[in-house]
PDB file of N, CA and C in Angstrom:
ATOM      1  N   UNK A   1     -61.440  17.362 -68.266  1.00  0.00           N
ATOM      2  CA  UNK A   1     -60.650  16.647 -67.284  1.00  0.00           C
ATOM      3  C   UNK A   1     -60.248  17.657 -66.206  1.00  0.00           C
ATOM      4  N   UNK A   2     -60.301  17.233 -64.991  1.00  0.00           N
ATOM      5  CA  UNK A   2     -59.930  18.105 -63.866  1.00  0.00           C
ATOM      6  C   UNK A   2     -58.488  17.848 -63.450  1.00  0.00           C
ATOM      7  N   UNK A   3     -58.013  18.648 -62.506  1.00  0.00           N
ATOM      8  CA  UNK A   3     -56.591  18.616 -62.145  1.00  0.00           C
ATOM      9  C   UNK A   3     -56.155  17.251 -61.611  1.00  0.00           C
ATOM     10  N   UNK A   4     -56.988  16.624 -60.797  1.00  0.00           N
ATOM     11  CA  UNK A   4     -56.640  15.308 -60.272  1.00  0.00           C
ATOM     12  C   UNK A   4     -56.568  14.252 -61.365  1.00  0.00           C
ATOM     13  N   UNK A   5     -57.437  14.392 -62.348  1.00  0.00           N
ATOM     14  CA  UNK A   5     -57.467  13.417 -63.442  1.00  0.00           C
ATOM     15  C   UNK A   5     -56.235  13.542 -64.340  1.00  0.00           C
ATOM     16  N   UNK A   6     -55.851  14.779 -64.638  1.00  0.00           N
ATOM     17  CA  UNK A   6     -54.681  14.943 -65.511  1.00  0.00           C
ATOM     18  C   UNK A   6     -53.409  14.537 -64.772  1.00  0.00           C
ATOM     19  N   UNK A   7     -53.346  14.819 -63.472  1.00  0.00           N
ATOM     20  CA  UNK A   7     -52.186  14.407 -62.682  1.00  0.00           C
ATOM     21  C   UNK A   7     -52.076  12.883 -62.663  1.00  0.00           C
ATOM     22  N   UNK A   8     -53.203  12.233 -62.490  1.00  0.00           N
ATOM     23  CA  UNK A   8     -53.212  10.767 -62.469  1.00  0.00           C
ATOM     24  C   UNK A   8     -52.856  10.198 -63.839  1.00  0.00           C
ATOM     25  N   UNK A   9     -53.294  10.862 -64.905  1.00  0.00           N
ATOM     26  CA  UNK A   9     -53.041  10.374 -66.267  1.00  0.00           C
ATOM     27  C   UNK A   9     -51.554  10.300 -66.585  1.00  0.00           C
ATOM     28  N   UNK A  10     -50.766  11.193 -65.972  1.00  0.00           N
ATOM     29  CA  UNK A  10     -49.320  11.198 -66.238  1.00  0.00           C
ATOM     30  C   UNK A  10     -48.510  10.796 -65.011  1.00  0.00           C
ATOM     31  N   UNK A  11     -49.216  10.417 -63.954  1.00  0.00           N
ATOM     32  CA  UNK A  11     -48.588   9.896 -62.743  1.00  0.00           C
ATOM     33  C   UNK A  11     -47.652  10.894 -62.069  1.00  0.00           C
ATOM     34  N   UNK A  12     -48.176  12.104 -61.846  1.00  0.00           N
ATOM     35  CA  UNK A  12     -47.436  13.109 -61.079  1.00  0.00           C
ATOM     36  C   UNK A  12     -48.365  13.692 -60.020  1.00  0.00           C
ATOM     37  N   UNK A  13     -47.798  14.315 -58.986  1.00  0.00           N
ATOM     38  CA  UNK A  13     -48.641  14.915 -57.945  1.00  0.00           C
ATOM     39  C   UNK A  13     -49.422  16.122 -58.465  1.00  0.00           C
ATOM     40  N   UNK A  14     -50.580  16.344 -57.894  1.00  0.00           N
ATOM     41  CA  UNK A  14     -51.407  17.506 -58.244  1.00  0.00           C
ATOM     42  C   UNK A  14     -50.622  18.800 -58.019  1.00  0.00           C
ATOM     43  N   UNK A  15     -49.795  18.824 -56.964  1.00  0.00           N
ATOM     44  CA  UNK A  15     -49.007  20.030 -56.695  1.00  0.00           C
ATOM     45  C   UNK A  15     -48.063  20.362 -57.848  1.00  0.00           C
ATOM     46  N   UNK A  16     -47.552  19.353 -58.530  1.00  0.00           N
ATOM     47  CA  UNK A  16     -46.685  19.605 -59.687  1.00  0.00           C
ATOM     48  C   UNK A  16     -47.481  20.254 -60.812  1.00  0.00           C
ATOM     49  N   UNK A  17     -48.696  19.775 -61.029  1.00  0.00           N
ATOM     50  CA  UNK A  17     -49.550  20.376 -62.064  1.00  0.00           C
ATOM     51  C   UNK A  17     -49.818  21.835 -61.707  1.00  0.00           C
ATOM     52  N   UNK A  18     -50.138  22.095 -60.442  1.00  0.00           N
ATOM     53  CA  UNK A  18     -50.380  23.484 -60.008  1.00  0.00           C
ATOM     54  C   UNK A  18     -49.133  24.344 -60.208  1.00  0.00           C
ATOM     55  N   UNK A  19     -47.975  23.803 -59.930  1.00  0.00           N
ATOM     56  CA  UNK A  19     -46.715  24.530 -60.113  1.00  0.00           C
ATOM     57  C   UNK A  19     -46.518  24.888 -61.582  1.00  0.00           C
ATOM     58  N   UNK A  20     -46.778  23.933 -62.473  1.00  0.00           N
ATOM     59  CA  UNK A  20     -46.631  24.198 -63.915  1.00  0.00           C
ATOM     60  C   UNK A  20     -47.626  25.258 -64.371  1.00  0.00           C
ATOM     61  N   UNK A  21     -48.812  25.279 -63.801  1.00  0.00           N
ATOM     62  CA  UNK A  21     -49.796  26.322 -64.121  1.00  0.00           C
ATOM     63  C   UNK A  21     -49.277  27.676 -63.650  1.00  0.00           C
ATOM     64  N   UNK A  22     -48.783  27.731 -62.404  1.00  0.00           N
ATOM     65  CA  UNK A  22     -48.284  28.998 -61.845  1.00  0.00           C
ATOM     66  C   UNK A  22     -47.096  29.538 -62.629  1.00  0.00           C
ATOM     67  N   UNK A  23     -46.297  28.642 -63.208  1.00  0.00           N
ATOM     68  CA  UNK A  23     -45.143  29.074 -64.008  1.00  0.00           C
ATOM     69  C   UNK A  23     -45.537  29.461 -65.431  1.00  0.00           C
ATOM     70  N   UNK A  24     -46.764  29.163 -65.816  1.00  0.00           N
ATOM     71  CA  UNK A  24     -47.221  29.468 -67.163  1.00  0.00           C
ATOM     72  C   UNK A  24     -46.901  28.381 -68.175  1.00  0.00           C
ATOM     73  N   UNK A  25     -46.447  27.222 -67.683  1.00  0.00           N
ATOM     74  CA  UNK A  25     -46.159  26.113 -68.589  1.00  0.00           C
ATOM     75  C   UNK A  25     -47.439  25.456 -69.079  1.00  0.00           C
ATOM     76  N   UNK A  26     -48.413  25.386 -68.220  1.00  0.00           N
ATOM     77  CA  UNK A  26     -49.738  24.879 -68.581  1.00  0.00           C
ATOM     78  C   UNK A  26     -50.729  26.028 -68.494  1.00  0.00           C
ATOM     79  N   UNK A  27     -51.647  26.073 -69.465  1.00  0.00           N
ATOM     80  CA  UNK A  27     -52.624  27.166 -69.494  1.00  0.00           C
ATOM     81  C   UNK A  27     -54.020  26.567 -69.700  1.00  0.00           C
ATOM     82  N   UNK A  28     -54.536  25.905 -68.660  1.00  0.00           N
ATOM     83  CA  UNK A  28     -55.862  25.297 -68.800  1.00  0.00           C
ATOM     84  C   UNK A  28     -56.973  26.340 -68.697  1.00  0.00           C
ATOM     85  N   UNK A  29     -58.130  25.943 -69.152  1.00  0.00           N
ATOM     86  CA  UNK A  29     -59.303  26.787 -68.999  1.00  0.00           C
ATOM     87  C   UNK A  29     -59.681  26.826 -67.520  1.00  0.00           C
ATOM     88  N   UNK A  30     -60.175  27.962 -67.060  1.00  0.00           N
ATOM     89  CA  UNK A  30     -60.556  28.116 -65.660  1.00  0.00           C
ATOM     90  C   UNK A  30     -62.056  28.376 -65.604  1.00  0.00           C
ATOM     91  N   UNK A  31     -62.802  27.443 -64.971  1.00  0.00           N
ATOM     92  CA  UNK A  31     -64.250  27.569 -64.836  1.00  0.00           C
ATOM     93  C   UNK A  31     -64.614  27.492 -63.368  1.00  0.00           C
ATOM     94  N   UNK A  32     -65.289  28.525 -62.889  1.00  0.00           N
ATOM     95  CA  UNK A  32     -65.734  28.542 -61.486  1.00  0.00           C
ATOM     96  C   UNK A  32     -64.600  28.202 -60.529  1.00  0.00           C
ATOM     97  N   UNK A  33     -63.447  28.789 -60.765  1.00  0.00           N
ATOM     98  CA  UNK A  33     -62.254  28.601 -59.939  1.00  0.00           C
ATOM     99  C   UNK A  33     -61.706  27.176 -59.984  1.00  0.00           C
ATOM    100  N   UNK A  34     -62.091  26.403 -60.995  1.00  0.00           N
ATOM    101  CA  UNK A  34     -61.547  25.061 -61.189  1.00  0.00           C
ATOM    102  C   UNK A  34     -60.905  25.001 -62.566  1.00  0.00           C
ATOM    103  N   UNK A  35     -59.796  24.316 -62.642  1.00  0.00           N
ATOM    104  CA  UNK A  35     -59.111  24.155 -63.919  1.00  0.00           C
ATOM    105  C   UNK A  35     -59.738  23.002 -64.693  1.00  0.00           C
ATOM    106  N   UNK A  36     -59.948  23.248 -65.971  1.00  0.00           N
ATOM    107  CA  UNK A  36     -60.468  22.222 -66.870  1.00  0.00           C
ATOM    108  C   UNK A  36     -59.415  22.001 -67.949  1.00  0.00           C
ATOM    109  N   UNK A  37     -58.941  20.772 -68.057  1.00  0.00           N
ATOM    110  CA  UNK A  37     -57.873  20.430 -68.987  1.00  0.00           C
ATOM    111  C   UNK A  37     -58.442  19.698 -70.203  1.00  0.00           C
ATOM    112  N   UNK A  38     -57.915  20.040 -71.379  1.00  0.00           N
ATOM    113  CA  UNK A  38     -58.333  19.355 -72.600  1.00  0.00           C
ATOM    114  C   UNK A  38     -57.168  18.508 -73.125  1.00  0.00           C
ATOM    115  N   UNK A  39     -57.365  17.926 -74.284  1.00  0.00           N
ATOM    116  CA  UNK A  39     -56.345  17.052 -74.863  1.00  0.00           C
ATOM    117  C   UNK A  39     -55.046  17.802 -75.137  1.00  0.00           C
ATOM    118  N   UNK A  40     -55.157  19.038 -75.572  1.00  0.00           N
ATOM    119  CA  UNK A  40     -53.962  19.862 -75.838  1.00  0.00           C
ATOM    120  C   UNK A  40     -53.164  20.097 -74.552  1.00  0.00           C
ATOM    121  N   UNK A  41     -53.862  20.338 -73.452  1.00  0.00           N
ATOM    122  CA  UNK A  41     -53.186  20.517 -72.162  1.00  0.00           C
ATOM    123  C   UNK A  41     -52.464  19.234 -71.752  1.00  0.00           C
ATOM    124  N   UNK A  42     -53.104  18.102 -71.986  1.00  0.00           N
ATOM    125  CA  UNK A  42     -52.471  16.815 -71.673  1.00  0.00           C
ATOM    126  C   UNK A  42     -51.213  16.625 -72.517  1.00  0.00           C
ATOM    127  N   UNK A  43     -51.288  16.966 -73.792  1.00  0.00           N
ATOM    128  CA  UNK A  43     -50.111  16.860 -74.656  1.00  0.00           C
ATOM    129  C   UNK A  43     -48.999  17.793 -74.189  1.00  0.00           C
ATOM    130  N   UNK A  44     -49.368  19.013 -73.767  1.00  0.00           N
ATOM    131  CA  UNK A  44     -48.363  19.948 -73.236  1.00  0.00           C
ATOM    132  C   UNK A  44     -47.703  19.373 -71.990  1.00  0.00           C
ATOM    133  N   UNK A  45     -48.507  18.796 -71.106  1.00  0.00           N
ATOM    134  CA  UNK A  45     -47.964  18.220 -69.880  1.00  0.00           C
ATOM    135  C   UNK A  45     -47.040  17.048 -70.194  1.00  0.00           C
ATOM    136  N   UNK A  46     -47.418  16.214 -71.138  1.00  0.00           N
ATOM    137  CA  UNK A  46     -46.556  15.101 -71.539  1.00  0.00           C
ATOM    138  C   UNK A  46     -45.247  15.624 -72.141  1.00  0.00           C
ATOM    139  N   UNK A  47     -45.322  16.708 -72.907  1.00  0.00           N
ATOM    140  CA  UNK A  47     -44.115  17.305 -73.474  1.00  0.00           C
ATOM    141  C   UNK A  47     -43.232  17.881 -72.372  1.00  0.00           C
ATOM    142  N   UNK A  48     -43.826  18.535 -71.397  1.00  0.00           N
ATOM    143  CA  UNK A  48     -43.066  19.077 -70.266  1.00  0.00           C
ATOM    144  C   UNK A  48     -42.278  17.957 -69.594  1.00  0.00           C
ATOM    145  N   UNK A  49     -42.952  16.863 -69.320  1.00  0.00           N
ATOM    146  CA  UNK A  49     -42.300  15.744 -68.635  1.00  0.00           C
ATOM    147  C   UNK A  49     -41.205  15.131 -69.491  1.00  0.00           C
ATOM    148  N   UNK A  50     -41.440  15.042 -70.795  1.00  0.00           N
ATOM    149  CA  UNK A  50     -40.418  14.505 -71.702  1.00  0.00           C
ATOM    150  C   UNK A  50     -39.202  15.429 -71.741  1.00  0.00           C
ATOM    151  N   UNK A  51     -39.432  16.733 -71.819  1.00  0.00           N
ATOM    152  CA  UNK A  51     -38.323  17.690 -71.857  1.00  0.00           C
ATOM    153  C   UNK A  51     -37.545  17.682 -70.543  1.00  0.00           C
ATOM    154  N   UNK A  52     -38.241  17.439 -69.442  1.00  0.00           N
ATOM    155  CA  UNK A  52     -37.542  17.330 -68.157  1.00  0.00           C
ATOM    156  C   UNK A  52     -36.607  16.127 -68.154  1.00  0.00           C
ATOM    157  N   UNK A  53     -37.018  15.017 -68.787  1.00  0.00           N
ATOM    158  CA  UNK A  53     -36.132  13.853 -68.839  1.00  0.00           C
ATOM    159  C   UNK A  53     -34.903  14.143 -69.686  1.00  0.00           C
ATOM    160  N   UNK A  54     -34.996  15.131 -70.570  1.00  0.00           N
ATOM    161  CA  UNK A  54     -33.858  15.549 -71.390  1.00  0.00           C
ATOM    162  C   UNK A  54     -33.060  16.656 -70.712  1.00  0.00           C
ATOM    163  N   UNK A  55     -33.375  16.905 -69.439  1.00  0.00           N
ATOM    164  CA  UNK A  55     -32.667  17.857 -68.583  1.00  0.00           C
ATOM    165  C   UNK A  55     -32.814  19.310 -69.023  1.00  0.00           C
ATOM    166  N   UNK A  56     -33.930  19.645 -69.676  1.00  0.00           N
ATOM    167  CA  UNK A  56     -34.204  21.048 -69.971  1.00  0.00           C
ATOM    168  C   UNK A  56     -34.646  21.719 -68.681  1.00  0.00           C
ATOM    169  N   UNK A  57     -34.241  22.969 -68.499  1.00  0.00           N
ATOM    170  CA  UNK A  57     -34.716  23.738 -67.348  1.00  0.00           C
ATOM    171  C   UNK A  57     -36.171  24.120 -67.595  1.00  0.00           C
ATOM    172  N   UNK A  58     -36.886  24.449 -66.521  1.00  0.00           N
ATOM    173  CA  UNK A  58     -38.274  24.851 -66.681  1.00  0.00           C
ATOM    174  C   UNK A  58     -38.375  26.148 -67.487  1.00  0.00           C
ATOM    175  N   UNK A  59     -37.383  27.022 -67.363  1.00  0.00           N
ATOM    176  CA  UNK A  59     -37.382  28.245 -68.172  1.00  0.00           C
ATOM    177  C   UNK A  59     -37.237  27.917 -69.653  1.00  0.00           C
ATOM    178  N   UNK A  60     -36.365  26.973 -69.990  1.00  0.00           N
ATOM    179  CA  UNK A  60     -36.218  26.563 -71.387  1.00  0.00           C
ATOM    180  C   UNK A  60     -37.493  25.878 -71.884  1.00  0.00           C
ATOM    181  N   UNK A  61     -38.107  25.076 -71.036  1.00  0.00           N
ATOM    182  CA  UNK A  61     -39.359  24.419 -71.414  1.00  0.00           C
ATOM    183  C   UNK A  61     -40.429  25.473 -71.692  1.00  0.00           C
ATOM    184  N   UNK A  62     -40.457  26.508 -70.878  1.00  0.00           N
ATOM    185  CA  UNK A  62     -41.419  27.595 -71.091  1.00  0.00           C
ATOM    186  C   UNK A  62     -41.188  28.242 -72.455  1.00  0.00           C
ATOM    187  N   UNK A  63     -39.927  28.487 -72.803  1.00  0.00           N
ATOM    188  CA  UNK A  63     -39.617  29.090 -74.109  1.00  0.00           C
ATOM    189  C   UNK A  63     -40.041  28.178 -75.253  1.00  0.00           C
ATOM    190  N   UNK A  64     -39.781  26.898 -75.112  1.00  0.00           N
ATOM    191  CA  UNK A  64     -40.143  25.934 -76.156  1.00  0.00           C
ATOM    192  C   UNK A  64     -41.660  25.892 -76.337  1.00  0.00           C
ATOM    193  N   UNK A  65     -42.387  25.810 -75.221  1.00  0.00           N
ATOM    194  CA  UNK A  65     -43.848  25.774 -75.304  1.00  0.00           C
ATOM    195  C   UNK A  65     -44.402  27.078 -75.884  1.00  0.00           C
ATOM    196  N   UNK A  66     -43.836  28.198 -75.462  1.00  0.00           N
ATOM    197  CA  UNK A  66     -44.295  29.493 -75.974  1.00  0.00           C
ATOM    198  C   UNK A  66     -44.091  29.587 -77.477  1.00  0.00           C
ATOM    199  N   UNK A  67     -42.922  29.160 -77.928  1.00  0.00           N
ATOM    200  CA  UNK A  67     -42.626  29.204 -79.361  1.00  0.00           C
ATOM    201  C   UNK A  67     -43.616  28.334 -80.133  1.00  0.00           C
ATOM    202  N   UNK A  68     -43.864  27.137 -79.647  1.00  0.00           N
ATOM    203  CA  UNK A  68     -44.770  26.251 -80.378  1.00  0.00           C
ATOM    204  C   UNK A  68     -46.212  26.752 -80.323  1.00  0.00           C
ATOM    205  N   UNK A  69     -46.618  27.401 -79.236  1.00  0.00           N
ATOM    206  CA  UNK A  69     -47.985  27.924 -79.132  1.00  0.00           C
ATOM    207  C   UNK A  69     -48.193  29.139 -80.021  1.00  0.00           C
ATOM    208  N   UNK A  70     -47.223  30.041 -80.009  1.00  0.00           N
ATOM    209  CA  UNK A  70     -47.370  31.289 -80.756  1.00  0.00           C
ATOM    210  C   UNK A  70     -47.274  31.043 -82.259  1.00  0.00           C
ATOM    211  N   UNK A  71     -46.321  30.225 -82.668  1.00  0.00           N
ATOM    212  CA  UNK A  71     -46.066  30.055 -84.099  1.00  0.00           C
ATOM    213  C   UNK A  71     -46.727  28.827 -84.688  1.00  0.00           C
ATOM    214  N   UNK A  72     -47.095  27.878 -83.832  1.00  0.00           N
ATOM    215  CA  UNK A  72     -47.594  26.583 -84.274  1.00  0.00           C
ATOM    216  C   UNK A  72     -46.582  25.892 -85.187  1.00  0.00           C
ATOM    217  N   UNK A  73     -45.335  26.358 -85.105  1.00  0.00           N
ATOM    218  CA  UNK A  73     -44.223  25.801 -85.877  1.00  0.00           C
ATOM    219  C   UNK A  73     -44.560  25.677 -87.363  1.00  0.00           C
ATOM    220  N   UNK A  74     -45.223  26.706 -87.876  1.00  0.00           N
ATOM    221  CA  UNK A  74     -45.617  26.689 -89.278  1.00  0.00           C
ATOM    222  C   UNK A  74     -44.619  27.420 -90.171  1.00  0.00           C
ATOM    223  N   UNK A  75     -43.724  28.189 -89.581  1.00  0.00           N
ATOM    224  CA  UNK A  75     -42.733  28.944 -90.332  1.00  0.00           C
ATOM    225  C   UNK A  75     -41.375  28.261 -90.219  1.00  0.00           C
ATOM    226  N   UNK A  76     -40.630  28.249 -91.300  1.00  0.00           N
ATOM    227  CA  UNK A  76     -39.314  27.594 -91.299  1.00  0.00           C
ATOM    228  C   UNK A  76     -38.390  28.186 -90.223  1.00  0.00           C
ATOM    229  N   UNK A  77     -38.415  29.503 -90.057  1.00  0.00           N
ATOM    230  CA  UNK A  77     -37.583  30.140 -89.042  1.00  0.00           C
ATOM    231  C   UNK A  77     -37.946  29.685 -87.638  1.00  0.00           C
ATOM    232  N   UNK A  78     -39.233  29.506 -87.388  1.00  0.00           N
ATOM    233  CA  UNK A  78     -39.678  29.028 -86.077  1.00  0.00           C
ATOM    234  C   UNK A  78     -39.224  27.596 -85.836  1.00  0.00           C
ATOM    235  N   UNK A  79     -39.276  26.785 -86.863  1.00  0.00           N
ATOM    236  CA  UNK A  79     -38.818  25.398 -86.744  1.00  0.00           C
ATOM    237  C   UNK A  79     -37.318  25.374 -86.455  1.00  0.00           C
ATOM    238  N   UNK A  80     -36.579  26.241 -87.121  1.00  0.00           N
ATOM    239  CA  UNK A  80     -35.130  26.311 -86.877  1.00  0.00           C
ATOM    240  C   UNK A  80     -34.842  26.759 -85.451  1.00  0.00           C
ATOM    241  N   UNK A  81     -35.614  27.726 -84.937  1.00  0.00           N
ATOM    242  CA  UNK A  81     -35.457  28.155 -83.541  1.00  0.00           C
ATOM    243  C   UNK A  81     -35.760  27.000 -82.592  1.00  0.00           C
ATOM    244  N   UNK A  82     -36.802  26.265 -82.898  1.00  0.00           N
ATOM    245  CA  UNK A  82     -37.205  25.114 -82.086  1.00  0.00           C
ATOM    246  C   UNK A  82     -36.080  24.074 -82.054  1.00  0.00           C
ATOM    247  N   UNK A  83     -35.551  23.763 -83.218  1.00  0.00           N
ATOM    248  CA  UNK A  83     -34.463  22.800 -83.306  1.00  0.00           C
ATOM    249  C   UNK A  83     -33.212  23.304 -82.595  1.00  0.00           C
ATOM    250  N   UNK A  84     -32.989  24.597 -82.621  1.00  0.00           N
ATOM    251  CA  UNK A  84     -31.818  25.183 -81.968  1.00  0.00           C
ATOM    252  C   UNK A  84     -31.832  24.921 -80.468  1.00  0.00           C
ATOM    253  N   UNK A  85     -33.018  24.957 -79.849  1.00  0.00           N
ATOM    254  CA  UNK A  85     -33.121  24.630 -78.418  1.00  0.00           C
ATOM    255  C   UNK A  85     -32.551  23.238 -78.152  1.00  0.00           C
ATOM    256  N   UNK A  86     -32.880  22.288 -79.012  1.00  0.00           N
ATOM    257  CA  UNK A  86     -32.440  20.910 -78.819  1.00  0.00           C
ATOM    258  C   UNK A  86     -30.952  20.752 -79.083  1.00  0.00           C
ATOM    259  N   UNK A  87     -30.452  21.437 -80.092  1.00  0.00           N
ATOM    260  CA  UNK A  87     -29.013  21.359 -80.378  1.00  0.00           C
ATOM    261  C   UNK A  87     -28.195  21.963 -79.247  1.00  0.00           C
ATOM    262  N   UNK A  88     -28.663  23.094 -78.715  1.00  0.00           N
ATOM    263  CA  UNK A  88     -27.963  23.719 -77.590  1.00  0.00           C
ATOM    264  C   UNK A  88     -27.992  22.814 -76.361  1.00  0.00           C
ATOM    265  N   UNK A  89     -29.124  22.163 -76.127  1.00  0.00           N
ATOM    266  CA  UNK A  89     -29.223  21.253 -74.984  1.00  0.00           C
ATOM    267  C   UNK A  89     -28.294  20.061 -75.168  1.00  0.00           C
ATOM    268  N   UNK A  90     -28.218  19.550 -76.378  1.00  0.00           N
ATOM    269  CA  UNK A  90     -27.313  18.433 -76.662  1.00  0.00           C
ATOM    270  C   UNK A  90     -25.872  18.840 -76.360  1.00  0.00           C
ATOM    271  N   UNK A  91     -25.485  20.048 -76.757  1.00  0.00           N
ATOM    272  CA  UNK A  91     -24.135  20.535 -76.478  1.00  0.00           C
ATOM    273  C   UNK A  91     -23.898  20.680 -74.979  1.00  0.00           C
ATOM    274  N   UNK A  92     -24.905  21.212 -74.255  1.00  0.00           N
ATOM    275  CA  UNK A  92     -24.770  21.371 -72.795  1.00  0.00           C
ATOM    276  C   UNK A  92     -24.588  20.013 -72.126  1.00  0.00           C
ATOM    277  N   UNK A  93     -25.390  19.045 -72.540  1.00  0.00           N
ATOM    278  CA  UNK A  93     -25.294  17.710 -71.944  1.00  0.00           C
ATOM    279  C   UNK A  93     -23.961  17.050 -72.267  1.00  0.00           C
ATOM    280  N   UNK A  94     -23.460  17.246 -73.479  1.00  0.00           N
ATOM    281  CA  UNK A  94     -22.151  16.687 -73.847  1.00  0.00           C
ATOM    282  C   UNK A  94     -21.052  17.320 -72.999  1.00  0.00           C
ATOM    283  N   UNK A  95     -21.169  18.615 -72.749  1.00  0.00           N
ATOM    284  CA  UNK A  95     -20.181  19.305 -71.916  1.00  0.00           C
ATOM    285  C   UNK A  95     -20.248  18.795 -70.471  1.00  0.00           C
ATOM    286  N   UNK A  96     -21.459  18.626 -69.955  1.00  0.00           N
ATOM    287  CA  UNK A  96     -21.609  18.091 -68.599  1.00  0.00           C
ATOM    288  C   UNK A  96     -21.036  16.673 -68.509  1.00  0.00           C
ATOM    289  N   UNK A  97     -21.279  15.892 -69.531  1.00  0.00           N
ATOM    290  CA  UNK A  97     -20.759  14.524 -69.541  1.00  0.00           C
ATOM    291  C   UNK A  97     -19.230  14.520 -69.526  1.00  0.00           C
ATOM    292  N   UNK A  98     -18.633  15.403 -70.305  1.00  0.00           N
ATOM    293  CA  UNK A  98     -17.169  15.490 -70.340  1.00  0.00           C
ATOM    294  C   UNK A  98     -16.635  15.887 -68.974  1.00  0.00           C
ATOM    295  N   UNK A  99     -17.316  16.817 -68.313  1.00  0.00           N
ATOM    296  CA  UNK A  99     -16.899  17.238 -66.977  1.00  0.00           C
ATOM    297  C   UNK A  99     -17.024  16.084 -65.981  1.00  0.00           C
ATOM    298  N   UNK A 100     -18.096  15.324 -66.065  1.00  0.00           N
ATOM    299  CA  UNK A 100     -18.272  14.176 -65.186  1.00  0.00           C
ATOM    300  C   UNK A 100     -17.217  13.109 -65.454  1.00  0.00           C
ATOM    301  N   UNK A 101     -16.915  12.859 -66.734  1.00  0.00           N
ATOM    302  CA  UNK A 101     -15.877  11.896 -67.073  1.00  0.00           C
ATOM    303  C   UNK A 101     -14.529  12.310 -66.488  1.00  0.00           C
ATOM    304  N   UNK A 102     -14.213  13.617 -66.554  1.00  0.00           N
ATOM    305  CA  UNK A 102     -12.952  14.095 -65.976  1.00  0.00           C
ATOM    306  C   UNK A 102     -12.945  13.934 -64.468  1.00  0.00           C
ATOM    307  N   UNK A 103     -14.073  14.196 -63.838  1.00  0.00           N
ATOM    308  CA  UNK A 103     -14.150  14.061 -62.380  1.00  0.00           C
ATOM    309  C   UNK A 103     -13.997  12.599 -61.962  1.00  0.00           C
ATOM    310  N   UNK A 104     -14.593  11.701 -62.706  1.00  0.00           N
ATOM    311  CA  UNK A 104     -14.501  10.277 -62.394  1.00  0.00           C
ATOM    312  C   UNK A 104     -13.078   9.775 -62.596  1.00  0.00           C
ATOM    313  N   UNK A 105     -12.456  10.261 -63.672  1.00  0.00           N
ATOM    314  CA  UNK A 105     -11.073   9.835 -63.957  1.00  0.00           C
ATOM    315  C   UNK A 105     -10.105  10.344 -62.897  1.00  0.00           C
ATOM    316  N   UNK A 106     -10.501  11.413 -62.230  1.00  0.00           N
ATOM    317  CA  UNK A 106      -9.725  11.903 -61.108  1.00  0.00           C
ATOM    318  C   UNK A 106      -8.503  12.608 -61.506  1.00  0.00           C
TER     319      UNK A 106
END
């Protein structure tokens, strides 16, 4: 699959896909100066988009993807680290919500 096809598959601009590649979030195969995406790349891109909806920063998404790529989440400690990212994000979002509630209450 080429860059236009993967962008269309998840309904985002090609420039966003290029940005994720430049940040190291996506690591597609490069053939003759063209990116070739496989099913794993598509799954990574779908995960990136899902994590963005959960308000993870791109730096945190990079850490999550790196952890899952390096460890394949086969070790209990790696799974605990992975889960810790989500628990910390949940706490951050709860704190932001409390701040917004206070601001609304005036």
